[in-house]
Amino acid sequence: MRLNEIVFNDAKPVEGYGPGFFRIGGQVVQGPVIAAPSGTRTWGGFEDVAALEALVTEADVIFIGTGGEIAHLPQGLRSRLEDAGVGVEAMSSPAAARTYNVLLSEGRRVALAMLPI
């Protein structure tokens, strides 16, 4: 088996998570989080639509982690983001973190917002 090192350039991958926290690019963040090319910051959850709308110029798709289990996004949230021209994919937070890391390693324009598990 051959292993290849992944290079993320300036982007910060999700390195770990646990009950109530995420570790992104060496930084531990408690509670909901956004990871994007512009940096890592806390997020106010589904009601904080403005923070996600601010990502439309940096990302072609936003992965939204809904916690430990997959859940539907509020329709208003999905509609506002899609109307702004960005793709939205909802999945469990662990799946969102993995998908984000893979596409980040490919140099894709992605952002991530996650609720803790």
N, C-alpha and C. Protein backbone atom coordinates (compact mmCIF):
# COMPACT_ATOMS: atom_id res chain seq x y z
N MET A 1 0.84 -1.16 0.00
CA MET A 1 0.00 0.00 0.00
C MET A 1 0.89 1.23 0.00
N ARG A 2 0.51 2.20 -0.78
CA ARG A 2 1.25 3.45 -0.83
C ARG A 2 0.39 4.57 -0.26
N LEU A 3 0.93 5.33 0.66
CA LEU A 3 0.22 6.46 1.25
C LEU A 3 0.80 7.75 0.71
N ASN A 4 -0.07 8.67 0.38
CA ASN A 4 0.36 9.98 -0.11
C ASN A 4 -0.06 11.05 0.88
N GLU A 5 0.83 11.98 1.13
CA GLU A 5 0.51 13.08 2.02
C GLU A 5 -0.40 14.06 1.29
N ILE A 6 -1.43 14.54 1.96
CA ILE A 6 -2.35 15.51 1.38
C ILE A 6 -1.88 16.90 1.75
N VAL A 7 -1.83 17.77 0.77
CA VAL A 7 -1.43 19.16 0.98
C VAL A 7 -2.67 20.03 0.86
N PHE A 8 -2.96 20.83 1.86
CA PHE A 8 -4.15 21.66 1.88
C PHE A 8 -3.86 23.12 1.53
N ASN A 9 -2.62 23.47 1.23
CA ASN A 9 -2.23 24.86 0.95
C ASN A 9 -2.65 25.74 2.13
N ASP A 10 -3.40 26.81 1.90
CA ASP A 10 -3.78 27.72 2.98
C ASP A 10 -5.05 27.28 3.70
N ALA A 11 -5.78 26.34 3.15
CA ALA A 11 -7.03 25.91 3.74
C ALA A 11 -6.78 25.11 5.02
N LYS A 12 -7.76 25.12 5.90
CA LYS A 12 -7.65 24.43 7.19
C LYS A 12 -8.60 23.23 7.22
N PRO A 13 -8.07 22.01 7.26
CA PRO A 13 -8.93 20.83 7.31
C PRO A 13 -9.48 20.57 8.71
N VAL A 14 -10.56 19.80 8.75
CA VAL A 14 -11.11 19.34 10.02
C VAL A 14 -10.22 18.18 10.48
N GLU A 15 -9.63 18.34 11.65
CA GLU A 15 -8.71 17.33 12.18
C GLU A 15 -9.36 16.42 13.21
N GLY A 16 -10.45 16.87 13.79
CA GLY A 16 -11.12 16.04 14.78
C GLY A 16 -12.37 16.71 15.30
N TYR A 17 -13.16 15.94 16.02
CA TYR A 17 -14.38 16.46 16.64
C TYR A 17 -14.77 15.53 17.76
N GLY A 18 -15.60 16.04 18.64
CA GLY A 18 -16.09 15.26 19.76
C GLY A 18 -17.33 15.94 20.31
N PRO A 19 -17.82 15.48 21.44
CA PRO A 19 -19.03 16.06 22.00
C PRO A 19 -18.87 17.57 22.24
N GLY A 20 -19.50 18.37 21.41
CA GLY A 20 -19.53 19.82 21.60
C GLY A 20 -18.37 20.60 21.02
N PHE A 21 -17.40 19.96 20.34
CA PHE A 21 -16.26 20.72 19.83
C PHE A 21 -15.78 20.17 18.49
N PHE A 22 -15.00 21.02 17.80
CA PHE A 22 -14.33 20.65 16.56
C PHE A 22 -12.89 21.14 16.64
N ARG A 23 -11.97 20.43 15.99
CA ARG A 23 -10.58 20.90 15.87
C ARG A 23 -10.32 21.08 14.38
N ILE A 24 -10.08 22.33 13.99
CA ILE A 24 -9.90 22.69 12.59
C ILE A 24 -8.59 23.45 12.46
N GLY A 25 -7.67 22.90 11.69
CA GLY A 25 -6.38 23.55 11.48
C GLY A 25 -5.64 23.84 12.78
N GLY A 26 -5.76 22.94 13.75
CA GLY A 26 -5.08 23.10 15.03
C GLY A 26 -5.82 23.94 16.05
N GLN A 27 -6.94 24.54 15.66
CA GLN A 27 -7.72 25.40 16.54
C GLN A 27 -8.94 24.62 17.04
N VAL A 28 -9.18 24.64 18.34
CA VAL A 28 -10.36 24.00 18.92
C VAL A 28 -11.47 25.05 19.03
N VAL A 29 -12.63 24.69 18.50
CA VAL A 29 -13.80 25.58 18.52
C VAL A 29 -14.92 24.84 19.23
N GLN A 30 -15.49 25.46 20.24
CA GLN A 30 -16.62 24.90 20.97
C GLN A 30 -17.92 25.30 20.28
N GLY A 31 -18.83 24.37 20.12
CA GLY A 31 -20.14 24.68 19.55
C GLY A 31 -20.12 24.71 18.03
N PRO A 32 -21.21 25.23 17.43
CA PRO A 32 -21.31 25.28 15.98
C PRO A 32 -20.17 26.10 15.37
N VAL A 33 -19.73 25.69 14.17
CA VAL A 33 -18.54 26.29 13.56
C VAL A 33 -18.72 26.45 12.06
N ILE A 34 -18.03 27.44 11.51
CA ILE A 34 -17.90 27.62 10.07
C ILE A 34 -16.43 27.52 9.74
N ALA A 35 -16.12 26.76 8.67
CA ALA A 35 -14.76 26.69 8.14
C ALA A 35 -14.85 27.07 6.67
N ALA A 36 -14.05 28.05 6.28
CA ALA A 36 -14.10 28.56 4.91
C ALA A 36 -12.71 29.08 4.54
N PRO A 37 -12.50 29.40 3.27
CA PRO A 37 -11.21 29.97 2.88
C PRO A 37 -10.81 31.20 3.70
N SER A 38 -11.81 31.98 4.14
CA SER A 38 -11.52 33.19 4.92
C SER A 38 -11.20 32.90 6.38
N GLY A 39 -11.35 31.66 6.83
CA GLY A 39 -11.01 31.32 8.20
C GLY A 39 -12.06 30.49 8.91
N THR A 40 -11.77 30.20 10.16
CA THR A 40 -12.65 29.40 11.01
C THR A 40 -13.25 30.31 12.07
N ARG A 41 -14.54 30.16 12.30
CA ARG A 41 -15.22 30.99 13.30
C ARG A 41 -16.45 30.27 13.83
N THR A 42 -16.96 30.76 14.95
CA THR A 42 -18.17 30.17 15.51
C THR A 42 -19.36 30.54 14.61
N TRP A 43 -20.41 29.75 14.74
CA TRP A 43 -21.61 29.93 13.93
C TRP A 43 -22.82 29.89 14.84
N GLY A 44 -23.83 30.67 14.54
CA GLY A 44 -25.04 30.74 15.35
C GLY A 44 -26.07 29.68 15.06
N GLY A 45 -25.75 28.72 14.21
CA GLY A 45 -26.70 27.65 13.88
C GLY A 45 -27.62 28.05 12.74
N PHE A 46 -28.67 27.27 12.53
CA PHE A 46 -29.56 27.46 11.38
C PHE A 46 -30.15 28.87 11.30
N GLU A 47 -30.31 29.54 12.41
CA GLU A 47 -30.88 30.89 12.40
C GLU A 47 -29.89 31.93 11.89
N ASP A 48 -28.62 31.61 11.88
CA ASP A 48 -27.56 32.54 11.46
C ASP A 48 -27.32 32.42 9.95
N VAL A 49 -28.34 32.76 9.18
CA VAL A 49 -28.28 32.64 7.73
C VAL A 49 -27.30 33.65 7.14
N ALA A 50 -27.19 34.82 7.73
CA ALA A 50 -26.30 35.87 7.20
C ALA A 50 -24.85 35.40 7.15
N ALA A 51 -24.42 34.63 8.15
CA ALA A 51 -23.04 34.13 8.15
C ALA A 51 -22.80 33.18 6.99
N LEU A 52 -23.81 32.41 6.62
CA LEU A 52 -23.68 31.50 5.49
C LEU A 52 -23.77 32.25 4.17
N GLU A 53 -24.65 33.24 4.10
CA GLU A 53 -24.76 34.04 2.87
C GLU A 53 -23.46 34.77 2.57
N ALA A 54 -22.71 35.11 3.61
CA ALA A 54 -21.43 35.79 3.41
C ALA A 54 -20.40 34.89 2.73
N LEU A 55 -20.64 33.59 2.69
CA LEU A 55 -19.70 32.64 2.10
C LEU A 55 -19.89 32.46 0.59
N VAL A 56 -20.94 33.03 0.01
CA VAL A 56 -21.25 32.75 -1.39
C VAL A 56 -20.16 33.23 -2.36
N THR A 57 -19.37 34.21 -1.96
CA THR A 57 -18.30 34.67 -2.85
C THR A 57 -17.05 33.80 -2.74
N GLU A 58 -16.96 32.97 -1.71
CA GLU A 58 -15.76 32.14 -1.51
C GLU A 58 -15.97 30.68 -1.84
N ALA A 59 -17.21 30.24 -1.98
CA ALA A 59 -17.46 28.80 -2.13
C ALA A 59 -18.52 28.54 -3.19
N ASP A 60 -18.35 27.42 -3.88
CA ASP A 60 -19.36 26.98 -4.84
C ASP A 60 -20.39 26.09 -4.16
N VAL A 61 -19.99 25.47 -3.06
CA VAL A 61 -20.90 24.63 -2.29
C VAL A 61 -20.58 24.77 -0.81
N ILE A 62 -21.63 24.76 -0.01
CA ILE A 62 -21.49 24.80 1.45
C ILE A 62 -22.04 23.48 1.98
N PHE A 63 -21.20 22.75 2.70
CA PHE A 63 -21.64 21.52 3.37
C PHE A 63 -22.13 21.91 4.75
N ILE A 64 -23.33 21.48 5.08
CA ILE A 64 -23.89 21.81 6.39
C ILE A 64 -24.06 20.52 7.18
N GLY A 65 -23.30 20.43 8.27
CA GLY A 65 -23.37 19.28 9.17
C GLY A 65 -24.47 19.50 10.18
N THR A 66 -25.42 18.58 10.23
CA THR A 66 -26.61 18.74 11.07
C THR A 66 -26.48 18.06 12.43
N GLY A 67 -25.26 17.78 12.85
CA GLY A 67 -25.05 17.12 14.14
C GLY A 67 -24.72 15.64 13.93
N GLY A 68 -25.04 14.83 14.91
CA GLY A 68 -24.72 13.40 14.86
C GLY A 68 -25.53 12.63 13.84
N GLU A 69 -26.68 13.12 13.50
CA GLU A 69 -27.57 12.45 12.53
C GLU A 69 -27.92 13.43 11.41
N ILE A 70 -28.21 12.89 10.25
CA ILE A 70 -28.63 13.74 9.14
C ILE A 70 -30.04 14.26 9.42
N ALA A 71 -30.28 15.49 9.05
CA ALA A 71 -31.59 16.11 9.23
C ALA A 71 -31.84 17.06 8.07
N HIS A 72 -33.09 17.36 7.83
CA HIS A 72 -33.44 18.31 6.78
C HIS A 72 -33.11 19.72 7.25
N LEU A 73 -32.65 20.54 6.31
CA LEU A 73 -32.42 21.96 6.61
C LEU A 73 -33.75 22.68 6.60
N PRO A 74 -33.86 23.74 7.39
CA PRO A 74 -35.06 24.57 7.28
C PRO A 74 -35.18 25.07 5.83
N GLN A 75 -36.38 24.99 5.26
CA GLN A 75 -36.58 25.34 3.86
C GLN A 75 -36.15 26.78 3.56
N GLY A 76 -36.40 27.70 4.47
CA GLY A 76 -35.99 29.09 4.26
C GLY A 76 -34.49 29.23 4.12
N LEU A 77 -33.74 28.49 4.91
CA LEU A 77 -32.27 28.53 4.85
C LEU A 77 -31.79 28.01 3.51
N ARG A 78 -32.28 26.85 3.11
CA ARG A 78 -31.88 26.26 1.83
C ARG A 78 -32.24 27.21 0.68
N SER A 79 -33.43 27.73 0.68
CA SER A 79 -33.88 28.62 -0.40
C SER A 79 -33.03 29.86 -0.51
N ARG A 80 -32.73 30.50 0.61
CA ARG A 80 -31.93 31.72 0.57
C ARG A 80 -30.54 31.46 0.01
N LEU A 81 -29.92 30.36 0.40
CA LEU A 81 -28.58 30.06 -0.10
C LEU A 81 -28.61 29.69 -1.58
N GLU A 82 -29.57 28.89 -1.98
CA GLU A 82 -29.66 28.52 -3.39
C GLU A 82 -30.00 29.74 -4.25
N ASP A 83 -30.85 30.64 -3.76
CA ASP A 83 -31.17 31.87 -4.49
C ASP A 83 -29.94 32.76 -4.63
N ALA A 84 -29.01 32.67 -3.67
CA ALA A 84 -27.77 33.44 -3.73
C ALA A 84 -26.76 32.81 -4.69
N GLY A 85 -27.06 31.61 -5.20
CA GLY A 85 -26.20 30.99 -6.19
C GLY A 85 -25.16 30.02 -5.67
N VAL A 86 -25.35 29.51 -4.47
CA VAL A 86 -24.39 28.55 -3.91
C VAL A 86 -25.10 27.22 -3.68
N GLY A 87 -24.38 26.13 -3.94
CA GLY A 87 -24.93 24.82 -3.68
C GLY A 87 -24.94 24.52 -2.18
N VAL A 88 -25.90 23.77 -1.73
CA VAL A 88 -26.03 23.43 -0.31
C VAL A 88 -26.23 21.93 -0.19
N GLU A 89 -25.43 21.30 0.65
CA GLU A 89 -25.55 19.86 0.90
C GLU A 89 -25.63 19.64 2.39
N ALA A 90 -26.71 19.04 2.85
CA ALA A 90 -26.87 18.72 4.28
C ALA A 90 -26.52 17.26 4.51
N MET A 91 -25.80 17.00 5.59
CA MET A 91 -25.43 15.64 5.98
C MET A 91 -25.05 15.67 7.46
N SER A 92 -24.82 14.54 8.04
CA SER A 92 -24.37 14.53 9.44
C SER A 92 -23.03 15.28 9.52
N SER A 93 -22.72 15.82 10.67
CA SER A 93 -21.47 16.57 10.82
C SER A 93 -20.23 15.72 10.53
N PRO A 94 -20.15 14.45 10.99
CA PRO A 94 -18.97 13.65 10.64
C PRO A 94 -18.82 13.47 9.12
N ALA A 95 -19.92 13.22 8.42
CA ALA A 95 -19.87 13.07 6.96
C ALA A 95 -19.50 14.38 6.29
N ALA A 96 -20.03 15.49 6.79
CA ALA A 96 -19.72 16.80 6.22
C ALA A 96 -18.23 17.11 6.38
N ALA A 97 -17.66 16.78 7.54
CA ALA A 97 -16.24 17.03 7.78
C ALA A 97 -15.38 16.22 6.81
N ARG A 98 -15.71 14.95 6.63
CA ARG A 98 -14.95 14.10 5.71
C ARG A 98 -15.05 14.60 4.27
N THR A 99 -16.25 14.92 3.84
CA THR A 99 -16.47 15.39 2.47
C THR A 99 -15.75 16.70 2.23
N TYR A 100 -15.84 17.61 3.19
CA TYR A 100 -15.14 18.89 3.10
C TYR A 100 -13.63 18.67 2.95
N ASN A 101 -13.05 17.81 3.77
CA ASN A 101 -11.61 17.55 3.70
C ASN A 101 -11.19 16.99 2.34
N VAL A 102 -11.97 16.07 1.80
CA VAL A 102 -11.63 15.49 0.50
C VAL A 102 -11.65 16.55 -0.58
N LEU A 103 -12.72 17.33 -0.65
CA LEU A 103 -12.81 18.35 -1.70
C LEU A 103 -11.81 19.47 -1.48
N LEU A 104 -11.51 19.77 -0.23
CA LEU A 104 -10.48 20.76 0.08
C LEU A 104 -9.12 20.29 -0.44
N SER A 105 -8.83 19.02 -0.27
CA SER A 105 -7.55 18.49 -0.74
C SER A 105 -7.44 18.52 -2.26
N GLU A 106 -8.57 18.58 -2.94
CA GLU A 106 -8.59 18.67 -4.40
C GLU A 106 -8.53 20.12 -4.88
N GLY A 107 -8.49 21.06 -3.94
CA GLY A 107 -8.42 22.47 -4.31
C GLY A 107 -9.76 23.07 -4.68
N ARG A 108 -10.85 22.44 -4.30
CA ARG A 108 -12.18 22.92 -4.64
C ARG A 108 -12.59 24.08 -3.75
N ARG A 109 -13.51 24.91 -4.25
CA ARG A 109 -14.03 26.07 -3.51
C ARG A 109 -15.20 25.61 -2.64
N VAL A 110 -14.90 25.23 -1.40
CA VAL A 110 -15.92 24.69 -0.51
C VAL A 110 -15.88 25.41 0.83
N ALA A 111 -17.00 25.38 1.51
CA ALA A 111 -17.09 25.90 2.87
C ALA A 111 -17.90 24.88 3.69
N LEU A 112 -17.83 25.02 4.99
CA LEU A 112 -18.42 24.05 5.89
C LEU A 112 -19.03 24.78 7.08
N ALA A 113 -20.24 24.37 7.43
CA ALA A 113 -20.88 24.84 8.66
C ALA A 113 -21.40 23.59 9.37
N MET A 114 -21.07 23.44 10.66
CA MET A 114 -21.44 22.23 11.38
C MET A 114 -22.00 22.51 12.76
N LEU A 115 -23.02 21.72 13.09
CA LEU A 115 -23.50 21.67 14.46
C LEU A 115 -22.75 20.54 15.15
N PRO A 116 -22.45 20.69 16.44
CA PRO A 116 -21.69 19.64 17.14
C PRO A 116 -22.49 18.35 17.27
N ILE A 117 -21.73 17.26 17.49
CA ILE A 117 -22.35 15.96 17.70
C ILE A 117 -22.68 15.79 19.17
